[in-house]
Structures are given as structure tokens and as C-alpha cells.
């Protein structure tokens, strides 16, 4: 019987993590459980860094970016000895189950602990939106809106100076942020790792577009496709008349208050995580599939891998010409 759960955030921070911590703590307490907040991710498990959570300690954080519990990457946890230290801390503190909020690396850590006998649940928290077992991850919606707001400002300068504005966005090996933001802002070109496009094709597309009396353009580049600097240097060298500029948004995309959608889904994911554990189930990733909050066993999650919307990719370029 579960009486006490632990919660930690791991990997890169994402908007909505604090909302998820709040949701876990308050809903678990509502269900009669005690909650322990593990600080600094798996490194905190190994070093024994934690603090009890109550309703008041998680008050006023739903709108904050980052993570109240802090996060860190742990090389030691990748070793068997490190994982055994983490398990010893969990047992010594009478923690019956662990909720992990983070990306796919965090989920692998949760799965490793589950194999040692600790029931775990993973809540997907990463702006990249690239985890198996879910079509949506906490922080993704906020990151897209952050990019959209930035591009709308950059567009003013691009228009005023007849420039091709190149904006590099995050996303690791996935093009979700680039595609969604590109569609929403009306970009002329979106470069994603899932669809190969040569630098010559980029310049050819822009030249063709500018023949139709267009004087400025927006090019969104996902970091996993190529660097924004590569695009800038190529255009500057071969088509200097396009007057390119480069903006790398970087960590700007990972901070800030979560959108209404991210904050809402954090609460729904938290509820599903706690209810799953109370139902005697564990070792799952909570996610969103076909607009339903689900709990998929780790071993089955790889069956649920979702790529970019290829029809949307074609549409953004059809509309951007």
C-alpha cells in the first residue's frame, strides 16, 4: 500500500514543471498521501537531498518557469552503484513510489529504478515534444508561443530593412517547435531534421519567392536540421542581395511562465500519475494520445512514437511562397 511518494524533476527544465510539482503534491495530499520533493533530480537521490512538500510549500508556483526542486544531470546515476545509492535513499525515507518529471533520459532513469523494485511514473516534461508514449510534452506549447512572440518582433525589422530573417530554434533531433512556430507565424521556409533540404534549395526557394515582389522572408531553422549560422553564411556568400540576418533564440525558449494549456495539462498529468499509483499500477509514462490522458507501460512506449505532421510541413511551404 502506498503511503508516501517522491517527486523529482530531471534533465532540461521546461515550463509547466512547477505546475506539475504543485499538482502532484496537492492531489496526493488530497488523496491522503505524504509527498517528498527530491532536489536536483537523480543527483539529489544519490546525495540524499530532499524536502517534505505540503500545500503551502507548493503555493504560488503554478505560473513560474523553471523548477522549484531544481534539476541536474547525474553521471553517477548511470552506474549500478549510483542507482543502488538512490534506491537506498528511497527506502530509508519510506518512499513507496516515485514520480519523475522530465524527458526521455529521465524516463530511462525511472525505468531503471522500476527494475530495481521501485514503482515509478514518468510525466513528460520537455520543450522538444519528442518522447515516446505521448503526442505532447509539458513545456512544448509554451516554447512554441515564445518562438512565435520573438519571430513577430523580428519580422518588423526584417520588413523594415528588406531582410531574410533566419531564426534558429531548439528541438534537439525533432522539428516540432520549428514547424509549429513556422506555421503559426507564416514563415517562408522551415528547416527540420525530418525533411532534408540543401542550402542551395534554401536560396533557390527564397529567390523564387522574392521574384514575386516579396522583399523580406522568415526562415525557421530547427537546431537538429543544421545551424542557423550555416544558413546565414551560405546566403550571405552566394546571395548577399537577400540581406540575411541571424537570431539564435537559445535558452529563451526554455524559460517563462507556462501557457494556459501547459499549466492545465500539468494538473491533469499529475492527477493521472497519482491515480495510477493508487490503483496499484506503475512503471508507466503518463501522456496525451488522441486528446486522451493515458498511462502507457515503459515497455510499450516505443510503439507510440509520433513524428511531425508532414501535411502541415507541406502546407507551411505552400502558404509561404
C-alpha atoms as a PDB file:
ATOM      1  CA  UNK A   1       0.000   0.000   0.000  1.00  0.00           C
ATOM      2  CA  UNK A   2       1.354   3.404  -0.976  1.00  0.00           C
ATOM      3  CA  UNK A   3       1.551   5.955   1.813  1.00  0.00           C
ATOM      4  CA  UNK A   4       4.317   8.260   0.622  1.00  0.00           C
ATOM      5  CA  UNK A   5       5.514   9.280  -2.827  1.00  0.00           C
ATOM      6  CA  UNK A   6       8.565  11.141  -4.003  1.00  0.00           C
ATOM      7  CA  UNK A   7       8.688  13.590  -6.893  1.00  0.00           C
ATOM      8  CA  UNK A   8      11.678  14.934  -8.815  1.00  0.00           C
ATOM      9  CA  UNK A   9      12.448  16.917 -11.947  1.00  0.00           C
ATOM     10  CA  UNK A  10      15.293  15.820 -14.173  1.00  0.00           C
ATOM     11  CA  UNK A  11      17.088  16.874 -17.355  1.00  0.00           C
ATOM     12  CA  UNK A  12      16.415  20.217 -19.001  1.00  0.00           C
ATOM     13  CA  UNK A  13      13.862  22.476 -17.342  1.00  0.00           C
ATOM     14  CA  UNK A  14      10.572  23.120 -19.108  1.00  0.00           C
ATOM     15  CA  UNK A  15       7.664  25.482 -18.437  1.00  0.00           C
ATOM     16  CA  UNK A  16       4.951  23.551 -16.617  1.00  0.00           C
ATOM     17  CA  UNK A  17       7.291  21.569 -14.366  1.00  0.00           C
ATOM     18  CA  UNK A  18       6.355  23.695 -11.345  1.00  0.00           C
ATOM     19  CA  UNK A  19       2.677  23.308 -12.183  1.00  0.00           C
ATOM     20  CA  UNK A  20       3.203  19.528 -12.259  1.00  0.00           C
ATOM     21  CA  UNK A  21       5.032  19.561  -8.899  1.00  0.00           C
ATOM     22  CA  UNK A  22       2.146  21.541  -7.429  1.00  0.00           C
ATOM     23  CA  UNK A  23      -0.368  19.146  -8.951  1.00  0.00           C
ATOM     24  CA  UNK A  24       1.407  16.053  -7.645  1.00  0.00           C
ATOM     25  CA  UNK A  25       1.794  17.456  -4.138  1.00  0.00           C
ATOM     26  CA  UNK A  26      -1.720  18.811  -3.713  1.00  0.00           C
ATOM     27  CA  UNK A  27      -3.567  15.938  -5.355  1.00  0.00           C
ATOM     28  CA  UNK A  28      -1.540  13.315  -3.478  1.00  0.00           C
ATOM     29  CA  UNK A  29      -2.201  15.102  -0.183  1.00  0.00           C
ATOM     30  CA  UNK A  30      -5.892  15.315  -1.112  1.00  0.00           C
ATOM     31  CA  UNK A  31      -5.772  11.523  -1.507  1.00  0.00           C
ATOM     32  CA  UNK A  32      -4.169  11.063   1.905  1.00  0.00           C
ATOM     33  CA  UNK A  33      -0.538  10.594   0.867  1.00  0.00           C
ATOM     34  CA  UNK A  34       2.655  12.215   2.115  1.00  0.00           C
ATOM     35  CA  UNK A  35       4.931  13.795  -0.501  1.00  0.00           C
ATOM     36  CA  UNK A  36       8.710  14.188  -0.525  1.00  0.00           C
ATOM     37  CA  UNK A  37      10.327  16.552  -3.025  1.00  0.00           C
ATOM     38  CA  UNK A  38      13.698  15.312  -4.279  1.00  0.00           C
ATOM     39  CA  UNK A  39      16.022  18.186  -5.112  1.00  0.00           C
ATOM     40  CA  UNK A  40      18.387  18.266  -8.119  1.00  0.00           C
ATOM     41  CA  UNK A  41      16.991  15.206  -9.853  1.00  0.00           C
ATOM     42  CA  UNK A  42      18.735  11.844  -9.671  1.00  0.00           C
ATOM     43  CA  UNK A  43      21.828  13.535  -8.258  1.00  0.00           C
ATOM     44  CA  UNK A  44      19.696  14.578  -5.303  1.00  0.00           C
ATOM     45  CA  UNK A  45      18.526  10.998  -4.818  1.00  0.00           C
ATOM     46  CA  UNK A  46      22.128   9.852  -4.590  1.00  0.00           C
ATOM     47  CA  UNK A  47      23.166  12.690  -2.259  1.00  0.00           C
ATOM     48  CA  UNK A  48      20.068  12.500  -0.082  1.00  0.00           C
ATOM     49  CA  UNK A  49      18.732  15.987  -0.861  1.00  0.00           C
ATOM     50  CA  UNK A  50      15.001  16.267  -0.286  1.00  0.00           C
ATOM     51  CA  UNK A  51      12.315  18.287   1.443  1.00  0.00           C
ATOM     52  CA  UNK A  52       8.753  17.384   2.521  1.00  0.00           C
ATOM     53  CA  UNK A  53       6.118  19.070   0.381  1.00  0.00           C
ATOM     54  CA  UNK A  54       2.815  20.386   1.660  1.00  0.00           C
ATOM     55  CA  UNK A  55       0.044  22.516   0.224  1.00  0.00           C
ATOM     56  CA  UNK A  56       1.685  25.776   1.271  1.00  0.00           C
ATOM     57  CA  UNK A  57       5.198  24.930   0.096  1.00  0.00           C
ATOM     58  CA  UNK A  58       3.942  24.496  -3.460  1.00  0.00           C
ATOM     59  CA  UNK A  59       1.752  27.595  -3.363  1.00  0.00           C
ATOM     60  CA  UNK A  60       2.375  30.396  -5.840  1.00  0.00           C
ATOM     61  CA  UNK A  61       4.463  28.314  -8.261  1.00  0.00           C
ATOM     62  CA  UNK A  62       1.933  27.301 -10.929  1.00  0.00           C
ATOM     63  CA  UNK A  63       2.851  30.327 -13.062  1.00  0.00           C
ATOM     64  CA  UNK A  64       6.624  30.133 -12.580  1.00  0.00           C
ATOM     65  CA  UNK A  65       9.054  28.758 -15.129  1.00  0.00           C
ATOM     66  CA  UNK A  66      11.971  26.509 -14.205  1.00  0.00           C
ATOM     67  CA  UNK A  67      11.576  24.050 -11.358  1.00  0.00           C
ATOM     68  CA  UNK A  68      11.224  24.614  -7.631  1.00  0.00           C
ATOM     69  CA  UNK A  69      13.021  21.320  -6.990  1.00  0.00           C
ATOM     70  CA  UNK A  70      15.953  22.251  -9.276  1.00  0.00           C
ATOM     71  CA  UNK A  71      17.354  19.831 -11.823  1.00  0.00           C
ATOM     72  CA  UNK A  72      20.720  18.336 -12.685  1.00  0.00           C
ATOM     73  CA  UNK A  73      22.226  15.621 -14.842  1.00  0.00           C
ATOM     74  CA  UNK A  74      23.931  12.793 -12.978  1.00  0.00           C
ATOM     75  CA  UNK A  75      26.750  10.686 -14.384  1.00  0.00           C
ATOM     76  CA  UNK A  76      26.873   8.660 -11.170  1.00  0.00           C
ATOM     77  CA  UNK A  77      23.256   7.600 -11.570  1.00  0.00           C
ATOM     78  CA  UNK A  78      24.197   5.956 -14.869  1.00  0.00           C
ATOM     79  CA  UNK A  79      26.225   3.403 -12.870  1.00  0.00           C
ATOM     80  CA  UNK A  80      24.808   0.440 -10.954  1.00  0.00           C
ATOM     81  CA  UNK A  81      26.390   1.733  -7.763  1.00  0.00           C
ATOM     82  CA  UNK A  82      24.750   5.128  -8.226  1.00  0.00           C
ATOM     83  CA  UNK A  83      21.323   3.610  -8.754  1.00  0.00           C
ATOM     84  CA  UNK A  84      21.741   1.461  -5.659  1.00  0.00           C
ATOM     85  CA  UNK A  85      22.538   4.613  -3.641  1.00  0.00           C
ATOM     86  CA  UNK A  86      19.359   6.193  -4.988  1.00  0.00           C
ATOM     87  CA  UNK A  87      17.332   3.118  -4.021  1.00  0.00           C
ATOM     88  CA  UNK A  88      18.835   3.124  -0.530  1.00  0.00           C
ATOM     89  CA  UNK A  89      17.751   6.744  -0.013  1.00  0.00           C
ATOM     90  CA  UNK A  90      14.218   5.995  -1.191  1.00  0.00           C
ATOM     91  CA  UNK A  91      13.906   3.027   1.161  1.00  0.00           C
ATOM     92  CA  UNK A  92      15.425   4.840   4.139  1.00  0.00           C
ATOM     93  CA  UNK A  93      12.884   7.632   3.707  1.00  0.00           C
ATOM     94  CA  UNK A  94       9.924   5.241   3.389  1.00  0.00           C
ATOM     95  CA  UNK A  95       9.135   6.431  -0.137  1.00  0.00           C
ATOM     96  CA  UNK A  96       6.829   3.861  -1.720  1.00  0.00           C
ATOM     97  CA  UNK A  97       6.749   5.255  -5.272  1.00  0.00           C
ATOM     98  CA  UNK A  98       8.457   7.937  -7.331  1.00  0.00           C
ATOM     99  CA  UNK A  99       7.071  10.397  -9.882  1.00  0.00           C
ATOM    100  CA  UNK A 100       9.681  11.669 -12.351  1.00  0.00           C
ATOM    101  CA  UNK A 101       9.069  14.797 -14.446  1.00  0.00           C
ATOM    102  CA  UNK A 102      11.415  15.124 -17.415  1.00  0.00           C
ATOM    103  CA  UNK A 103      12.429  13.962 -20.882  1.00  0.00           C
ATOM    104  CA  UNK A 104      13.326  10.589 -22.343  1.00  0.00           C
ATOM    105  CA  UNK A 105      16.599  10.360 -20.398  1.00  0.00           C
ATOM    106  CA  UNK A 106      14.643  10.969 -17.206  1.00  0.00           C
ATOM    107  CA  UNK A 107      12.207   8.245 -18.214  1.00  0.00           C
ATOM    108  CA  UNK A 108      15.078   5.798 -18.726  1.00  0.00           C
ATOM    109  CA  UNK A 109      16.234   6.606 -15.201  1.00  0.00           C
ATOM    110  CA  UNK A 110      12.742   5.968 -13.851  1.00  0.00           C
ATOM    111  CA  UNK A 111      12.617   2.684 -15.709  1.00  0.00           C
ATOM    112  CA  UNK A 112      15.983   1.664 -14.240  1.00  0.00           C
ATOM    113  CA  UNK A 113      14.647   2.289 -10.730  1.00  0.00           C
ATOM    114  CA  UNK A 114      11.490   0.337 -11.515  1.00  0.00           C
ATOM    115  CA  UNK A 115      13.646  -2.630 -12.490  1.00  0.00           C
ATOM    116  CA  UNK A 116      15.221  -2.447  -9.022  1.00  0.00           C
ATOM    117  CA  UNK A 117      11.794  -2.627  -7.407  1.00  0.00           C
ATOM    118  CA  UNK A 118      10.704   0.999  -7.042  1.00  0.00           C
ATOM    119  CA  UNK A 119       7.311   1.785  -8.610  1.00  0.00           C
ATOM    120  CA  UNK A 120       7.706   4.832 -10.852  1.00  0.00           C
ATOM    121  CA  UNK A 121       5.615   7.045 -13.112  1.00  0.00           C
ATOM    122  CA  UNK A 122       7.062   9.497 -15.638  1.00  0.00           C
ATOM    123  CA  UNK A 123       5.364  12.764 -16.539  1.00  0.00           C
ATOM    124  CA  UNK A 124       6.796  14.026 -19.866  1.00  0.00           C
ATOM    125  CA  UNK A 125       8.390  17.431 -19.393  1.00  0.00           C
ATOM    126  CA  UNK A 126      10.499  18.762 -22.262  1.00  0.00           C
ATOM    127  CA  UNK A 127      10.010  21.575 -24.768  1.00  0.00           C
ATOM    128  CA  UNK A 128      11.164  19.268 -27.588  1.00  0.00           C
ATOM    129  CA  UNK A 129       7.921  17.225 -27.678  1.00  0.00           C
ATOM    130  CA  UNK A 130       9.929  14.172 -28.711  1.00  0.00           C
ATOM    131  CA  UNK A 131       9.100  11.445 -26.185  1.00  0.00           C
ATOM    132  CA  UNK A 132       7.621   8.017 -26.908  1.00  0.00           C
ATOM    133  CA  UNK A 133       4.232   7.226 -25.400  1.00  0.00           C
ATOM    134  CA  UNK A 134       2.754  10.692 -25.873  1.00  0.00           C
ATOM    135  CA  UNK A 135       1.874  13.211 -28.557  1.00  0.00           C
ATOM    136  CA  UNK A 136       2.522  16.144 -26.233  1.00  0.00           C
ATOM    137  CA  UNK A 137       5.044  17.028 -23.525  1.00  0.00           C
ATOM    138  CA  UNK A 138       4.850  19.744 -20.870  1.00  0.00           C
ATOM    139  CA  UNK A 139       6.615  22.913 -21.965  1.00  0.00           C
ATOM    140  CA  UNK A 140       6.163  22.418 -25.701  1.00  0.00           C
ATOM    141  CA  UNK A 141       3.195  24.746 -26.076  1.00  0.00           C
ATOM    142  CA  UNK A 142       4.950  27.489 -24.115  1.00  0.00           C
ATOM    143  CA  UNK A 143       8.127  27.137 -26.181  1.00  0.00           C
ATOM    144  CA  UNK A 144       6.182  27.435 -29.435  1.00  0.00           C
ATOM    145  CA  UNK A 145       4.450  30.578 -28.204  1.00  0.00           C
ATOM    146  CA  UNK A 146       7.771  32.042 -27.032  1.00  0.00           C
ATOM    147  CA  UNK A 147       9.218  31.491 -30.506  1.00  0.00           C
ATOM    148  CA  UNK A 148       6.107  32.961 -32.109  1.00  0.00           C
ATOM    149  CA  UNK A 149       6.330  36.121 -29.995  1.00  0.00           C
ATOM    150  CA  UNK A 150      10.022  36.524 -30.821  1.00  0.00           C
ATOM    151  CA  UNK A 151       9.517  35.984 -34.556  1.00  0.00           C
ATOM    152  CA  UNK A 152       6.710  38.519 -34.682  1.00  0.00           C
ATOM    153  CA  UNK A 153       9.114  41.120 -33.294  1.00  0.00           C
ATOM    154  CA  UNK A 154      11.959  40.097 -35.591  1.00  0.00           C
ATOM    155  CA  UNK A 155       9.606  40.323 -38.567  1.00  0.00           C
ATOM    156  CA  UNK A 156       9.204  44.076 -38.006  1.00  0.00           C
ATOM    157  CA  UNK A 157      12.913  44.633 -38.547  1.00  0.00           C
ATOM    158  CA  UNK A 158      13.057  42.181 -41.461  1.00  0.00           C
ATOM    159  CA  UNK A 159      10.249  44.058 -43.196  1.00  0.00           C
ATOM    160  CA  UNK A 160      11.730  47.478 -42.465  1.00  0.00           C
ATOM    161  CA  UNK A 161      15.144  46.548 -43.873  1.00  0.00           C
ATOM    162  CA  UNK A 162      14.118  44.115 -46.646  1.00  0.00           C
ATOM    163  CA  UNK A 163      15.889  41.232 -44.946  1.00  0.00           C
ATOM    164  CA  UNK A 164      15.731  37.467 -44.819  1.00  0.00           C
ATOM    165  CA  UNK A 165      15.480  36.801 -41.095  1.00  0.00           C
ATOM    166  CA  UNK A 166      16.899  33.427 -40.068  1.00  0.00           C
ATOM    167  CA  UNK A 167      15.765  32.219 -36.639  1.00  0.00           C
ATOM    168  CA  UNK A 168      17.335  29.131 -35.079  1.00  0.00           C
ATOM    169  CA  UNK A 169      15.108  27.313 -32.580  1.00  0.00           C
ATOM    170  CA  UNK A 170      15.612  24.399 -30.212  1.00  0.00           C
ATOM    171  CA  UNK A 171      14.165  20.910 -30.521  1.00  0.00           C
ATOM    172  CA  UNK A 172      17.198  18.641 -30.414  1.00  0.00           C
ATOM    173  CA  UNK A 173      16.584  15.965 -33.089  1.00  0.00           C
ATOM    174  CA  UNK A 174      12.948  16.881 -33.685  1.00  0.00           C
ATOM    175  CA  UNK A 175      11.340  19.634 -35.723  1.00  0.00           C
ATOM    176  CA  UNK A 176       8.124  20.109 -33.739  1.00  0.00           C
ATOM    177  CA  UNK A 177       8.905  23.597 -32.402  1.00  0.00           C
ATOM    178  CA  UNK A 178      10.186  24.835 -35.751  1.00  0.00           C
ATOM    179  CA  UNK A 179       7.208  23.506 -37.708  1.00  0.00           C
ATOM    180  CA  UNK A 180       4.506  24.645 -35.291  1.00  0.00           C
ATOM    181  CA  UNK A 181       6.032  28.097 -34.882  1.00  0.00           C
ATOM    182  CA  UNK A 182       6.677  28.384 -38.620  1.00  0.00           C
ATOM    183  CA  UNK A 183       3.092  27.530 -39.430  1.00  0.00           C
ATOM    184  CA  UNK A 184       1.786  29.971 -36.832  1.00  0.00           C
ATOM    185  CA  UNK A 185       3.965  32.914 -37.885  1.00  0.00           C
ATOM    186  CA  UNK A 186       3.684  32.420 -41.634  1.00  0.00           C
ATOM    187  CA  UNK A 187       7.334  31.572 -42.262  1.00  0.00           C
ATOM    188  CA  UNK A 188       8.507  31.229 -45.833  1.00  0.00           C
ATOM    189  CA  UNK A 189      10.750  28.261 -45.040  1.00  0.00           C
ATOM    190  CA  UNK A 190      11.012  25.802 -42.151  1.00  0.00           C
ATOM    191  CA  UNK A 191      14.050  23.532 -41.905  1.00  0.00           C
ATOM    192  CA  UNK A 192      13.552  20.397 -39.800  1.00  0.00           C
ATOM    193  CA  UNK A 193      15.715  17.293 -39.325  1.00  0.00           C
ATOM    194  CA  UNK A 194      12.916  15.032 -40.556  1.00  0.00           C
ATOM    195  CA  UNK A 195      12.948  16.629 -44.030  1.00  0.00           C
ATOM    196  CA  UNK A 196      16.231  17.148 -45.865  1.00  0.00           C
ATOM    197  CA  UNK A 197      16.724  20.448 -47.640  1.00  0.00           C
ATOM    198  CA  UNK A 198      20.059  21.563 -49.068  1.00  0.00           C
ATOM    199  CA  UNK A 199      21.402  25.069 -48.645  1.00  0.00           C
ATOM    200  CA  UNK A 200      21.131  25.561 -52.404  1.00  0.00           C
ATOM    201  CA  UNK A 201      17.456  24.616 -52.237  1.00  0.00           C
ATOM    202  CA  UNK A 202      17.005  27.158 -49.455  1.00  0.00           C
ATOM    203  CA  UNK A 203      18.444  30.001 -51.520  1.00  0.00           C
ATOM    204  CA  UNK A 204      16.613  28.864 -54.661  1.00  0.00           C
ATOM    205  CA  UNK A 205      13.291  28.893 -52.787  1.00  0.00           C
ATOM    206  CA  UNK A 206      13.962  32.364 -51.412  1.00  0.00           C
ATOM    207  CA  UNK A 207      14.991  33.760 -54.788  1.00  0.00           C
ATOM    208  CA  UNK A 208      11.865  32.332 -56.394  1.00  0.00           C
ATOM    209  CA  UNK A 209       9.748  33.823 -53.621  1.00  0.00           C
ATOM    210  CA  UNK A 210      11.376  37.239 -53.959  1.00  0.00           C
ATOM    211  CA  UNK A 211      10.730  37.234 -57.702  1.00  0.00           C
ATOM    212  CA  UNK A 212       7.085  37.583 -56.725  1.00  0.00           C
ATOM    213  CA  UNK A 213       7.789  41.060 -55.279  1.00  0.00           C
ATOM    214  CA  UNK A 214       8.490  39.774 -51.798  1.00  0.00           C
ATOM    215  CA  UNK A 215      11.171  41.848 -50.074  1.00  0.00           C
ATOM    216  CA  UNK A 216      11.532  40.080 -46.714  1.00  0.00           C
ATOM    217  CA  UNK A 217      11.251  36.499 -45.513  1.00  0.00           C
ATOM    218  CA  UNK A 218      11.287  34.422 -42.340  1.00  0.00           C
ATOM    219  CA  UNK A 219      13.305  31.195 -42.234  1.00  0.00           C
ATOM    220  CA  UNK A 220      12.871  28.980 -39.149  1.00  0.00           C
ATOM    221  CA  UNK A 221      15.738  26.523 -38.598  1.00  0.00           C
ATOM    222  CA  UNK A 222      15.481  23.619 -36.158  1.00  0.00           C
ATOM    223  CA  UNK A 223      18.844  23.065 -34.477  1.00  0.00           C
ATOM    224  CA  UNK A 224      18.745  19.365 -35.427  1.00  0.00           C
ATOM    225  CA  UNK A 225      18.497  20.165 -39.138  1.00  0.00           C
ATOM    226  CA  UNK A 226      21.520  22.485 -39.375  1.00  0.00           C
ATOM    227  CA  UNK A 227      22.793  25.543 -37.580  1.00  0.00           C
ATOM    228  CA  UNK A 228      21.321  28.923 -38.286  1.00  0.00           C
ATOM    229  CA  UNK A 229      24.847  30.165 -38.898  1.00  0.00           C
ATOM    230  CA  UNK A 230      25.294  27.691 -41.771  1.00  0.00           C
ATOM    231  CA  UNK A 231      22.188  29.088 -43.435  1.00  0.00           C
ATOM    232  CA  UNK A 232      23.293  32.668 -42.814  1.00  0.00           C
ATOM    233  CA  UNK A 233      26.819  32.129 -44.176  1.00  0.00           C
ATOM    234  CA  UNK A 234      25.540  30.397 -47.306  1.00  0.00           C
ATOM    235  CA  UNK A 235      23.005  33.114 -48.138  1.00  0.00           C
ATOM    236  CA  UNK A 236      25.472  35.880 -47.252  1.00  0.00           C
ATOM    237  CA  UNK A 237      28.126  34.340 -49.506  1.00  0.00           C
ATOM    238  CA  UNK A 238      26.025  33.326 -52.517  1.00  0.00           C
ATOM    239  CA  UNK A 239      23.005  35.625 -52.345  1.00  0.00           C
ATOM    240  CA  UNK A 240      24.097  38.683 -50.412  1.00  0.00           C
ATOM    241  CA  UNK A 241      21.339  40.724 -52.048  1.00  0.00           C
ATOM    242  CA  UNK A 242      18.865  38.893 -49.782  1.00  0.00           C
ATOM    243  CA  UNK A 243      20.426  40.778 -46.853  1.00  0.00           C
ATOM    244  CA  UNK A 244      20.269  37.916 -44.285  1.00  0.00           C
ATOM    245  CA  UNK A 245      20.246  38.308 -40.506  1.00  0.00           C
ATOM    246  CA  UNK A 246      20.522  35.608 -37.847  1.00  0.00           C
ATOM    247  CA  UNK A 247      18.891  35.244 -34.425  1.00  0.00           C
ATOM    248  CA  UNK A 248      19.548  32.207 -32.221  1.00  0.00           C
ATOM    249  CA  UNK A 249      16.796  32.096 -29.609  1.00  0.00           C
ATOM    250  CA  UNK A 250      18.559  29.541 -27.375  1.00  0.00           C
ATOM    251  CA  UNK A 251      17.518  29.200 -23.728  1.00  0.00           C
ATOM    252  CA  UNK A 252      14.925  31.932 -24.134  1.00  0.00           C
ATOM    253  CA  UNK A 253      12.647  29.101 -25.255  1.00  0.00           C
ATOM    254  CA  UNK A 254      13.002  27.106 -22.045  1.00  0.00           C
ATOM    255  CA  UNK A 255      12.019  29.818 -19.571  1.00  0.00           C
ATOM    256  CA  UNK A 256       8.978  31.858 -18.714  1.00  0.00           C
ATOM    257  CA  UNK A 257       5.508  31.229 -17.358  1.00  0.00           C
ATOM    258  CA  UNK A 258       3.691  28.253 -18.855  1.00  0.00           C
ATOM    259  CA  UNK A 259       0.812  28.867 -21.202  1.00  0.00           C
ATOM    260  CA  UNK A 260      -2.702  28.092 -20.016  1.00  0.00           C
ATOM    261  CA  UNK A 261      -2.536  24.794 -21.899  1.00  0.00           C
ATOM    262  CA  UNK A 262       0.769  23.673 -20.340  1.00  0.00           C
ATOM    263  CA  UNK A 263      -0.397  24.652 -16.835  1.00  0.00           C
ATOM    264  CA  UNK A 264      -3.719  22.857 -17.285  1.00  0.00           C
ATOM    265  CA  UNK A 265      -2.157  19.682 -18.673  1.00  0.00           C
ATOM    266  CA  UNK A 266       0.388  19.626 -15.835  1.00  0.00           C
ATOM    267  CA  UNK A 267      -2.512  19.274 -13.416  1.00  0.00           C
ATOM    268  CA  UNK A 268      -4.180  16.562 -15.487  1.00  0.00           C
ATOM    269  CA  UNK A 269      -0.930  14.615 -15.836  1.00  0.00           C
ATOM    270  CA  UNK A 270      -0.341  14.920 -12.077  1.00  0.00           C
ATOM    271  CA  UNK A 271      -3.801  13.559 -11.306  1.00  0.00           C
ATOM    272  CA  UNK A 272      -3.296  10.632 -13.683  1.00  0.00           C
ATOM    273  CA  UNK A 273       0.098   9.832 -12.153  1.00  0.00           C
ATOM    274  CA  UNK A 274      -1.228   9.701  -8.589  1.00  0.00           C
ATOM    275  CA  UNK A 275      -4.400   7.809  -9.522  1.00  0.00           C
ATOM    276  CA  UNK A 276      -2.342   5.261 -11.459  1.00  0.00           C
ATOM    277  CA  UNK A 277      -0.155   4.579  -8.418  1.00  0.00           C
ATOM    278  CA  UNK A 278      -3.168   4.342  -6.096  1.00  0.00           C
ATOM    279  CA  UNK A 279      -4.748   1.837  -8.491  1.00  0.00           C
ATOM    280  CA  UNK A 280      -1.753  -0.433  -7.967  1.00  0.00           C
ATOM    281  CA  UNK A 281      -0.208   0.249 -11.353  1.00  0.00           C
ATOM    282  CA  UNK A 282       3.200   1.739 -12.028  1.00  0.00           C
ATOM    283  CA  UNK A 283       6.189   1.826 -14.340  1.00  0.00           C
ATOM    284  CA  UNK A 284       4.346   3.885 -16.943  1.00  0.00           C
ATOM    285  CA  UNK A 285       4.630   7.165 -18.808  1.00  0.00           C
ATOM    286  CA  UNK A 286       1.641   9.440 -18.490  1.00  0.00           C
ATOM    287  CA  UNK A 287       0.889  11.096 -21.790  1.00  0.00           C
ATOM    288  CA  UNK A 288      -1.634  12.513 -24.214  1.00  0.00           C
ATOM    289  CA  UNK A 289      -2.753  10.350 -27.127  1.00  0.00           C
ATOM    290  CA  UNK A 290      -5.623  11.403 -29.402  1.00  0.00           C
ATOM    291  CA  UNK A 291      -6.569  14.025 -26.807  1.00  0.00           C
ATOM    292  CA  UNK A 292      -6.904  11.448 -24.013  1.00  0.00           C
ATOM    293  CA  UNK A 293      -4.624  11.352 -20.955  1.00  0.00           C
ATOM    294  CA  UNK A 294      -3.144   7.857 -20.882  1.00  0.00           C
ATOM    295  CA  UNK A 295      -0.682   5.729 -18.924  1.00  0.00           C
ATOM    296  CA  UNK A 296       1.498   3.555 -21.178  1.00  0.00           C
ATOM    297  CA  UNK A 297       3.901   0.931 -19.702  1.00  0.00           C
ATOM    298  CA  UNK A 298       7.541   1.769 -20.375  1.00  0.00           C
ATOM    299  CA  UNK A 299       7.994  -1.453 -22.359  1.00  0.00           C
ATOM    300  CA  UNK A 300       5.188  -0.456 -24.722  1.00  0.00           C
ATOM    301  CA  UNK A 301       6.010   3.238 -25.078  1.00  0.00           C
ATOM    302  CA  UNK A 302       8.235   2.716 -28.123  1.00  0.00           C
ATOM    303  CA  UNK A 303       5.154   1.532 -30.013  1.00  0.00           C
ATOM    304  CA  UNK A 304       3.764   5.032 -29.644  1.00  0.00           C
ATOM    305  CA  UNK A 305       6.245   7.293 -31.401  1.00  0.00           C
ATOM    306  CA  UNK A 306       4.842  10.318 -33.190  1.00  0.00           C
ATOM    307  CA  UNK A 307       6.585  12.380 -35.846  1.00  0.00           C
ATOM    308  CA  UNK A 308       5.904  15.798 -37.291  1.00  0.00           C
ATOM    309  CA  UNK A 309       2.756  16.383 -39.315  1.00  0.00           C
ATOM    310  CA  UNK A 310       4.004  16.022 -42.892  1.00  0.00           C
ATOM    311  CA  UNK A 311       0.856  17.574 -44.338  1.00  0.00           C
ATOM    312  CA  UNK A 312       1.483  20.618 -42.155  1.00  0.00           C
ATOM    313  CA  UNK A 313       5.094  20.729 -43.372  1.00  0.00           C
ATOM    314  CA  UNK A 314       3.886  20.832 -46.991  1.00  0.00           C
ATOM    315  CA  UNK A 315       1.232  23.404 -46.135  1.00  0.00           C
ATOM    316  CA  UNK A 316       3.575  25.864 -44.429  1.00  0.00           C
ATOM    317  CA  UNK A 317       5.722  25.960 -47.580  1.00  0.00           C
ATOM    318  CA  UNK A 318       2.744  26.191 -49.903  1.00  0.00           C
ATOM    319  CA  UNK A 319       1.426  29.174 -47.956  1.00  0.00           C
ATOM    320  CA  UNK A 320       4.847  30.805 -47.629  1.00  0.00           C
ATOM    321  CA  UNK A 321       5.551  31.194 -51.329  1.00  0.00           C
END
